[in-house]
């Protein structure tokens, strides 16, 4: 599970066997979520409230280039 980014209590990562579409997993304590990156949208969430999901979406927007580049670096330019 390569960790791409840590911000406060949030860990942004992907699983080594992940597949397209390009996405990122986010976890914090007992909460988890999955976001597609192109376009940015919540795929699923367990434990995060709507305010937290909006904050995570904003963090993804700010770091989108890093997240997509990390995906391509790890999985190849697919």
PDB file of N, CA and C in Angstrom:
ATOM      1  N   UNK A   1       0.833  -1.181   0.000  1.00  0.00           N
ATOM      2  CA  UNK A   1       0.000   0.000   0.000  1.00  0.00           C
ATOM      3  C   UNK A   1       0.876   1.242   0.000  1.00  0.00           C
ATOM      4  N   UNK A   2       1.310   1.684  -1.141  1.00  0.00           N
ATOM      5  CA  UNK A   2       2.143   2.882  -1.184  1.00  0.00           C
ATOM      6  C   UNK A   2       1.392   4.126  -0.700  1.00  0.00           C
ATOM      7  N   UNK A   3       1.958   4.791   0.286  1.00  0.00           N
ATOM      8  CA  UNK A   3       1.400   6.058   0.753  1.00  0.00           C
ATOM      9  C   UNK A   3       1.950   7.169  -0.131  1.00  0.00           C
ATOM     10  N   UNK A   4       1.054   7.963  -0.681  1.00  0.00           N
ATOM     11  CA  UNK A   4       1.441   9.036  -1.589  1.00  0.00           C
ATOM     12  C   UNK A   4       1.563  10.358  -0.839  1.00  0.00           C
ATOM     13  N   UNK A   5       0.692  10.564   0.152  1.00  0.00           N
ATOM     14  CA  UNK A   5       0.604  11.863   0.804  1.00  0.00           C
ATOM     15  C   UNK A   5       0.008  11.683   2.193  1.00  0.00           C
ATOM     16  N   UNK A   6       0.522  12.445   3.151  1.00  0.00           N
ATOM     17  CA  UNK A   6      -0.071  12.494   4.488  1.00  0.00           C
ATOM     18  C   UNK A   6      -0.308  13.953   4.831  1.00  0.00           C
ATOM     19  N   UNK A   7      -1.543  14.264   5.178  1.00  0.00           N
ATOM     20  CA  UNK A   7      -1.907  15.618   5.590  1.00  0.00           C
ATOM     21  C   UNK A   7      -2.748  15.485   6.849  1.00  0.00           C
ATOM     22  N   UNK A   8      -2.269  16.100   7.921  1.00  0.00           N
ATOM     23  CA  UNK A   8      -2.915  15.965   9.223  1.00  0.00           C
ATOM     24  C   UNK A   8      -3.111  14.476   9.518  1.00  0.00           C
ATOM     25  N   UNK A   9      -4.317  14.058   9.803  1.00  0.00           N
ATOM     26  CA  UNK A   9      -4.550  12.645  10.123  1.00  0.00           C
ATOM     27  C   UNK A   9      -4.948  11.832   8.895  1.00  0.00           C
ATOM     28  N   UNK A  10      -4.889  12.439   7.712  1.00  0.00           N
ATOM     29  CA  UNK A  10      -5.312  11.762   6.486  1.00  0.00           C
ATOM     30  C   UNK A  10      -4.125  11.110   5.788  1.00  0.00           C
ATOM     31  N   UNK A  11      -4.344   9.888   5.347  1.00  0.00           N
ATOM     32  CA  UNK A  11      -3.338   9.183   4.549  1.00  0.00           C
ATOM     33  C   UNK A  11      -3.933   8.899   3.178  1.00  0.00           C
ATOM     34  N   UNK A  12      -3.250   9.355   2.132  1.00  0.00           N
ATOM     35  CA  UNK A  12      -3.668   9.152   0.751  1.00  0.00           C
ATOM     36  C   UNK A  12      -2.788   8.046   0.173  1.00  0.00           C
ATOM     37  N   UNK A  13      -3.401   7.006  -0.355  1.00  0.00           N
ATOM     38  CA  UNK A  13      -2.619   5.849  -0.797  1.00  0.00           C
ATOM     39  C   UNK A  13      -3.356   5.089  -1.886  1.00  0.00           C
ATOM     40  N   UNK A  14      -2.653   4.151  -2.499  1.00  0.00           N
ATOM     41  CA  UNK A  14      -3.316   3.191  -3.361  1.00  0.00           C
ATOM     42  C   UNK A  14      -2.795   1.808  -3.028  1.00  0.00           C
ATOM     43  N   UNK A  15      -3.558   0.812  -3.396  1.00  0.00           N
ATOM     44  CA  UNK A  15      -3.164  -0.576  -3.187  1.00  0.00           C
ATOM     45  C   UNK A  15      -2.281  -1.013  -4.344  1.00  0.00           C
ATOM     46  N   UNK A  16      -1.338  -1.887  -4.072  1.00  0.00           N
ATOM     47  CA  UNK A  16      -0.403  -2.303  -5.114  1.00  0.00           C
ATOM     48  C   UNK A  16      -1.081  -3.058  -6.251  1.00  0.00           C
ATOM     49  N   UNK A  17      -2.290  -3.559  -6.030  1.00  0.00           N
ATOM     50  CA  UNK A  17      -3.007  -4.269  -7.096  1.00  0.00           C
ATOM     51  C   UNK A  17      -4.169  -3.443  -7.650  1.00  0.00           C
ATOM     52  N   UNK A  18      -4.147  -2.128  -7.442  1.00  0.00           N
ATOM     53  CA  UNK A  18      -5.221  -1.265  -7.939  1.00  0.00           C
ATOM     54  C   UNK A  18      -5.255  -1.256  -9.458  1.00  0.00           C
ATOM     55  N   UNK A  19      -6.339  -0.772  -9.991  1.00  0.00           N
ATOM     56  CA  UNK A  19      -6.573  -0.756 -11.433  1.00  0.00           C
ATOM     57  C   UNK A  19      -7.242   0.558 -11.804  1.00  0.00           C
ATOM     58  N   UNK A  20      -7.331   0.817 -13.097  1.00  0.00           N
ATOM     59  CA  UNK A  20      -8.011   2.030 -13.557  1.00  0.00           C
ATOM     60  C   UNK A  20      -9.502   1.916 -13.291  1.00  0.00           C
ATOM     61  N   UNK A  21     -10.218   3.018 -13.227  1.00  0.00           N
ATOM     62  CA  UNK A  21      -9.738   4.375 -13.465  1.00  0.00           C
ATOM     63  C   UNK A  21      -8.802   4.847 -12.350  1.00  0.00           C
ATOM     64  N   UNK A  22      -8.008   5.852 -12.672  1.00  0.00           N
ATOM     65  CA  UNK A  22      -7.054   6.396 -11.704  1.00  0.00           C
ATOM     66  C   UNK A  22      -7.825   6.901 -10.492  1.00  0.00           C
ATOM     67  N   UNK A  23      -7.422   6.432  -9.315  1.00  0.00           N
ATOM     68  CA  UNK A  23      -8.121   6.804  -8.087  1.00  0.00           C
ATOM     69  C   UNK A  23      -7.153   6.778  -6.912  1.00  0.00           C
ATOM     70  N   UNK A  24      -7.625   7.293  -5.792  1.00  0.00           N
ATOM     71  CA  UNK A  24      -6.838   7.323  -4.561  1.00  0.00           C
ATOM     72  C   UNK A  24      -7.729   6.900  -3.405  1.00  0.00           C
ATOM     73  N   UNK A  25      -7.146   6.191  -2.464  1.00  0.00           N
ATOM     74  CA  UNK A  25      -7.838   5.823  -1.234  1.00  0.00           C
ATOM     75  C   UNK A  25      -7.385   6.789  -0.145  1.00  0.00           C
ATOM     76  N   UNK A  26      -8.292   7.102   0.766  1.00  0.00           N
ATOM     77  CA  UNK A  26      -7.988   8.016   1.867  1.00  0.00           C
ATOM     78  C   UNK A  26      -8.485   7.375   3.151  1.00  0.00           C
ATOM     79  N   UNK A  27      -7.650   7.418   4.181  1.00  0.00           N
ATOM     80  CA  UNK A  27      -8.092   6.889   5.468  1.00  0.00           C
ATOM     81  C   UNK A  27      -7.658   7.811   6.594  1.00  0.00           C
ATOM     82  N   UNK A  28      -8.454   7.766   7.657  1.00  0.00           N
ATOM     83  CA  UNK A  28      -8.177   8.529   8.862  1.00  0.00           C
ATOM     84  C   UNK A  28      -8.874   7.822  10.009  1.00  0.00           C
ATOM     85  N   UNK A  29      -8.115   7.354  10.946  1.00  0.00           N
ATOM     86  CA  UNK A  29      -8.673   6.613  12.085  1.00  0.00           C
ATOM     87  C   UNK A  29      -9.622   5.523  11.608  1.00  0.00           C
ATOM     88  N   UNK A  30     -10.914   5.668  11.836  1.00  0.00           N
ATOM     89  CA  UNK A  30     -11.888   4.639  11.472  1.00  0.00           C
ATOM     90  C   UNK A  30     -12.653   4.965  10.197  1.00  0.00           C
ATOM     91  N   UNK A  31     -12.199   5.924   9.423  1.00  0.00           N
ATOM     92  CA  UNK A  31     -12.903   6.339   8.207  1.00  0.00           C
ATOM     93  C   UNK A  31     -12.073   6.014   6.972  1.00  0.00           C
ATOM     94  N   UNK A  32     -12.766   5.645   5.904  1.00  0.00           N
ATOM     95  CA  UNK A  32     -12.102   5.367   4.635  1.00  0.00           C
ATOM     96  C   UNK A  32     -12.933   5.937   3.490  1.00  0.00           C
ATOM     97  N   UNK A  33     -12.253   6.233   2.392  1.00  0.00           N
ATOM     98  CA  UNK A  33     -12.949   6.708   1.196  1.00  0.00           C
ATOM     99  C   UNK A  33     -12.104   6.392  -0.021  1.00  0.00           C
ATOM    100  N   UNK A  34     -12.772   6.365  -1.157  1.00  0.00           N
ATOM    101  CA  UNK A  34     -12.106   6.176  -2.444  1.00  0.00           C
ATOM    102  C   UNK A  34     -12.585   7.285  -3.370  1.00  0.00           C
ATOM    103  N   UNK A  35     -11.630   7.950  -4.034  1.00  0.00           N
ATOM    104  CA  UNK A  35     -11.933   9.051  -4.943  1.00  0.00           C
ATOM    105  C   UNK A  35     -11.346   8.755  -6.316  1.00  0.00           C
ATOM    106  N   UNK A  36     -12.149   8.878  -7.359  1.00  0.00           N
ATOM    107  CA  UNK A  36     -11.596   8.913  -8.707  1.00  0.00           C
ATOM    108  C   UNK A  36     -10.896  10.250  -8.869  1.00  0.00           C
ATOM    109  N   UNK A  37      -9.839  10.273  -9.684  1.00  0.00           N
ATOM    110  CA  UNK A  37      -9.074  11.502  -9.868  1.00  0.00           C
ATOM    111  C   UNK A  37      -9.379  12.222 -11.174  1.00  0.00           C
ATOM    112  N   UNK A  38      -9.948  11.534 -12.148  1.00  0.00           N
ATOM    113  CA  UNK A  38     -10.263  12.130 -13.455  1.00  0.00           C
ATOM    114  C   UNK A  38     -11.668  11.745 -13.858  1.00  0.00           C
ATOM    115  N   UNK A  39     -12.679  12.501 -13.578  1.00  0.00           N
ATOM    116  CA  UNK A  39     -12.705  13.716 -12.761  1.00  0.00           C
ATOM    117  C   UNK A  39     -12.705  13.354 -11.275  1.00  0.00           C
ATOM    118  N   UNK A  40     -12.449  14.340 -10.445  1.00  0.00           N
ATOM    119  CA  UNK A  40     -12.425  14.105  -9.000  1.00  0.00           C
ATOM    120  C   UNK A  40     -13.848  13.875  -8.521  1.00  0.00           C
ATOM    121  N   UNK A  41     -14.079  12.704  -7.949  1.00  0.00           N
ATOM    122  CA  UNK A  41     -15.394  12.414  -7.381  1.00  0.00           C
ATOM    123  C   UNK A  41     -15.279  11.286  -6.368  1.00  0.00           C
ATOM    124  N   UNK A  42     -16.147  11.342  -5.369  1.00  0.00           N
ATOM    125  CA  UNK A  42     -16.195  10.299  -4.350  1.00  0.00           C
ATOM    126  C   UNK A  42     -16.808   9.053  -4.972  1.00  0.00           C
ATOM    127  N   UNK A  43     -16.122   7.932  -4.851  1.00  0.00           N
ATOM    128  CA  UNK A  43     -16.648   6.654  -5.326  1.00  0.00           C
ATOM    129  C   UNK A  43     -17.382   5.960  -4.191  1.00  0.00           C
ATOM    130  N   UNK A  44     -16.736   5.945  -3.015  1.00  0.00           N
ATOM    131  CA  UNK A  44     -17.375   5.376  -1.831  1.00  0.00           C
ATOM    132  C   UNK A  44     -16.729   5.972  -0.590  1.00  0.00           C
ATOM    133  N   UNK A  45     -17.489   5.938   0.482  1.00  0.00           N
ATOM    134  CA  UNK A  45     -17.006   6.508   1.735  1.00  0.00           C
ATOM    135  C   UNK A  45     -17.645   5.773   2.898  1.00  0.00           C
ATOM    136  N   UNK A  46     -16.863   5.570   3.930  1.00  0.00           N
ATOM    137  CA  UNK A  46     -17.358   4.935   5.142  1.00  0.00           C
ATOM    138  C   UNK A  46     -16.773   5.685   6.337  1.00  0.00           C
ATOM    139  N   UNK A  47     -17.594   6.468   7.011  1.00  0.00           N
ATOM    140  CA  UNK A  47     -17.162   7.148   8.218  1.00  0.00           C
ATOM    141  C   UNK A  47     -16.902   8.637   8.083  1.00  0.00           C
ATOM    142  N   UNK A  48     -16.611   9.115   6.881  1.00  0.00           N
ATOM    143  CA  UNK A  48     -16.414  10.551   6.688  1.00  0.00           C
ATOM    144  C   UNK A  48     -17.770  11.229   6.517  1.00  0.00           C
ATOM    145  N   UNK A  49     -17.937  12.412   7.130  1.00  0.00           N
ATOM    146  CA  UNK A  49     -19.172  13.167   6.904  1.00  0.00           C
ATOM    147  C   UNK A  49     -19.002  14.051   5.665  1.00  0.00           C
ATOM    148  N   UNK A  50     -20.069  14.715   5.248  1.00  0.00           N
ATOM    149  CA  UNK A  50     -20.025  15.493   4.004  1.00  0.00           C
ATOM    150  C   UNK A  50     -19.025  16.644   4.079  1.00  0.00           C
ATOM    151  N   UNK A  51     -18.882  17.270   5.235  1.00  0.00           N
ATOM    152  CA  UNK A  51     -17.905  18.353   5.386  1.00  0.00           C
ATOM    153  C   UNK A  51     -16.484  17.816   5.200  1.00  0.00           C
ATOM    154  N   UNK A  52     -16.201  16.669   5.798  1.00  0.00           N
ATOM    155  CA  UNK A  52     -14.873  16.070   5.657  1.00  0.00           C
ATOM    156  C   UNK A  52     -14.598  15.672   4.204  1.00  0.00           C
ATOM    157  N   UNK A  53     -15.602  15.138   3.526  1.00  0.00           N
ATOM    158  CA  UNK A  53     -15.426  14.755   2.121  1.00  0.00           C
ATOM    159  C   UNK A  53     -15.142  15.973   1.250  1.00  0.00           C
ATOM    160  N   UNK A  54     -15.782  17.099   1.545  1.00  0.00           N
ATOM    161  CA  UNK A  54     -15.505  18.330   0.802  1.00  0.00           C
ATOM    162  C   UNK A  54     -14.074  18.799   1.058  1.00  0.00           C
ATOM    163  N   UNK A  55     -13.614  18.697   2.309  1.00  0.00           N
ATOM    164  CA  UNK A  55     -12.244  19.085   2.643  1.00  0.00           C
ATOM    165  C   UNK A  55     -11.240  18.178   1.936  1.00  0.00           C
ATOM    166  N   UNK A  56     -11.522  16.881   1.907  1.00  0.00           N
ATOM    167  CA  UNK A  56     -10.635  15.939   1.223  1.00  0.00           C
ATOM    168  C   UNK A  56     -10.614  16.236  -0.273  1.00  0.00           C
ATOM    169  N   UNK A  57     -11.774  16.521  -0.841  1.00  0.00           N
ATOM    170  CA  UNK A  57     -11.843  16.865  -2.264  1.00  0.00           C
ATOM    171  C   UNK A  57     -10.970  18.076  -2.556  1.00  0.00           C
ATOM    172  N   UNK A  58     -11.009  19.076  -1.694  1.00  0.00           N
ATOM    173  CA  UNK A  58     -10.177  20.278  -1.880  1.00  0.00           C
ATOM    174  C   UNK A  58      -8.689  19.919  -1.802  1.00  0.00           C
ATOM    175  N   UNK A  59      -8.314  19.054  -0.867  1.00  0.00           N
ATOM    176  CA  UNK A  59      -6.917  18.622  -0.760  1.00  0.00           C
ATOM    177  C   UNK A  59      -6.486  17.856  -2.010  1.00  0.00           C
ATOM    178  N   UNK A  60      -7.384  17.051  -2.547  1.00  0.00           N
ATOM    179  CA  UNK A  60      -7.077  16.333  -3.787  1.00  0.00           C
ATOM    180  C   UNK A  60      -6.880  17.331  -4.924  1.00  0.00           C
ATOM    181  N   UNK A  61      -7.760  18.331  -5.017  1.00  0.00           N
ATOM    182  CA  UNK A  61      -7.620  19.354  -6.065  1.00  0.00           C
ATOM    183  C   UNK A  61      -6.264  20.049  -5.973  1.00  0.00           C
ATOM    184  N   UNK A  62      -5.854  20.387  -4.771  1.00  0.00           N
ATOM    185  CA  UNK A  62      -4.579  21.078  -4.553  1.00  0.00           C
ATOM    186  C   UNK A  62      -3.398  20.189  -4.942  1.00  0.00           C
ATOM    187  N   UNK A  63      -3.526  18.886  -4.709  1.00  0.00           N
ATOM    188  CA  UNK A  63      -2.419  17.947  -4.916  1.00  0.00           C
ATOM    189  C   UNK A  63      -2.625  17.015  -6.105  1.00  0.00           C
ATOM    190  N   UNK A  64      -3.526  17.383  -7.013  1.00  0.00           N
ATOM    191  CA  UNK A  64      -3.907  16.480  -8.098  1.00  0.00           C
ATOM    192  C   UNK A  64      -2.714  16.047  -8.950  1.00  0.00           C
ATOM    193  N   UNK A  65      -1.822  16.962  -9.252  1.00  0.00           N
ATOM    194  CA  UNK A  65      -0.671  16.617 -10.094  1.00  0.00           C
ATOM    195  C   UNK A  65       0.206  15.567  -9.418  1.00  0.00           C
ATOM    196  N   UNK A  66       0.492  15.744  -8.147  1.00  0.00           N
ATOM    197  CA  UNK A  66       1.281  14.773  -7.393  1.00  0.00           C
ATOM    198  C   UNK A  66       0.595  13.410  -7.376  1.00  0.00           C
ATOM    199  N   UNK A  67      -0.706  13.391  -7.135  1.00  0.00           N
ATOM    200  CA  UNK A  67      -1.438  12.128  -7.038  1.00  0.00           C
ATOM    201  C   UNK A  67      -1.441  11.386  -8.370  1.00  0.00           C
ATOM    202  N   UNK A  68      -1.706  12.091  -9.454  1.00  0.00           N
ATOM    203  CA  UNK A  68      -1.727  11.449 -10.774  1.00  0.00           C
ATOM    204  C   UNK A  68      -0.320  11.013 -11.179  1.00  0.00           C
ATOM    205  N   UNK A  69       0.671  11.860 -10.950  1.00  0.00           N
ATOM    206  CA  UNK A  69       2.052  11.486 -11.274  1.00  0.00           C
ATOM    207  C   UNK A  69       2.491  10.259 -10.481  1.00  0.00           C
ATOM    208  N   UNK A  70       2.103  10.187  -9.218  1.00  0.00           N
ATOM    209  CA  UNK A  70       2.458   9.034  -8.383  1.00  0.00           C
ATOM    210  C   UNK A  70       1.814   7.761  -8.910  1.00  0.00           C
ATOM    211  N   UNK A  71       0.562   7.872  -9.363  1.00  0.00           N
ATOM    212  CA  UNK A  71      -0.118   6.710  -9.958  1.00  0.00           C
ATOM    213  C   UNK A  71       0.672   6.212 -11.173  1.00  0.00           C
ATOM    214  N   UNK A  72       0.992   7.139 -12.089  1.00  0.00           N
ATOM    215  CA  UNK A  72       1.702   6.755 -13.311  1.00  0.00           C
ATOM    216  C   UNK A  72       3.094   6.206 -13.003  1.00  0.00           C
ATOM    217  N   UNK A  73       3.754   6.784 -12.018  1.00  0.00           N
ATOM    218  CA  UNK A  73       5.079   6.306 -11.636  1.00  0.00           C
ATOM    219  C   UNK A  73       5.003   4.875 -11.105  1.00  0.00           C
ATOM    220  N   UNK A  74       3.992   4.581 -10.330  1.00  0.00           N
ATOM    221  CA  UNK A  74       3.879   3.255  -9.716  1.00  0.00           C
ATOM    222  C   UNK A  74       3.322   2.213 -10.691  1.00  0.00           C
ATOM    223  N   UNK A  75       2.257   2.565 -11.402  1.00  0.00           N
ATOM    224  CA  UNK A  75       1.568   1.592 -12.251  1.00  0.00           C
ATOM    225  C   UNK A  75       1.976   1.668 -13.721  1.00  0.00           C
ATOM    226  N   UNK A  76       2.713   2.691 -14.090  1.00  0.00           N
ATOM    227  CA  UNK A  76       3.059   2.883 -15.495  1.00  0.00           C
ATOM    228  C   UNK A  76       2.113   3.890 -16.119  1.00  0.00           C
ATOM    229  N   UNK A  77       2.440   4.328 -17.281  1.00  0.00           N
ATOM    230  CA  UNK A  77       1.662   5.368 -17.959  1.00  0.00           C
ATOM    231  C   UNK A  77       0.459   4.771 -18.664  1.00  0.00           C
ATOM    232  N   UNK A  78      -0.523   4.346 -17.904  1.00  0.00           N
ATOM    233  CA  UNK A  78      -1.719   3.720 -18.492  1.00  0.00           C
ATOM    234  C   UNK A  78      -2.817   4.727 -18.678  1.00  0.00           C
TER     235      UNK A  78
END
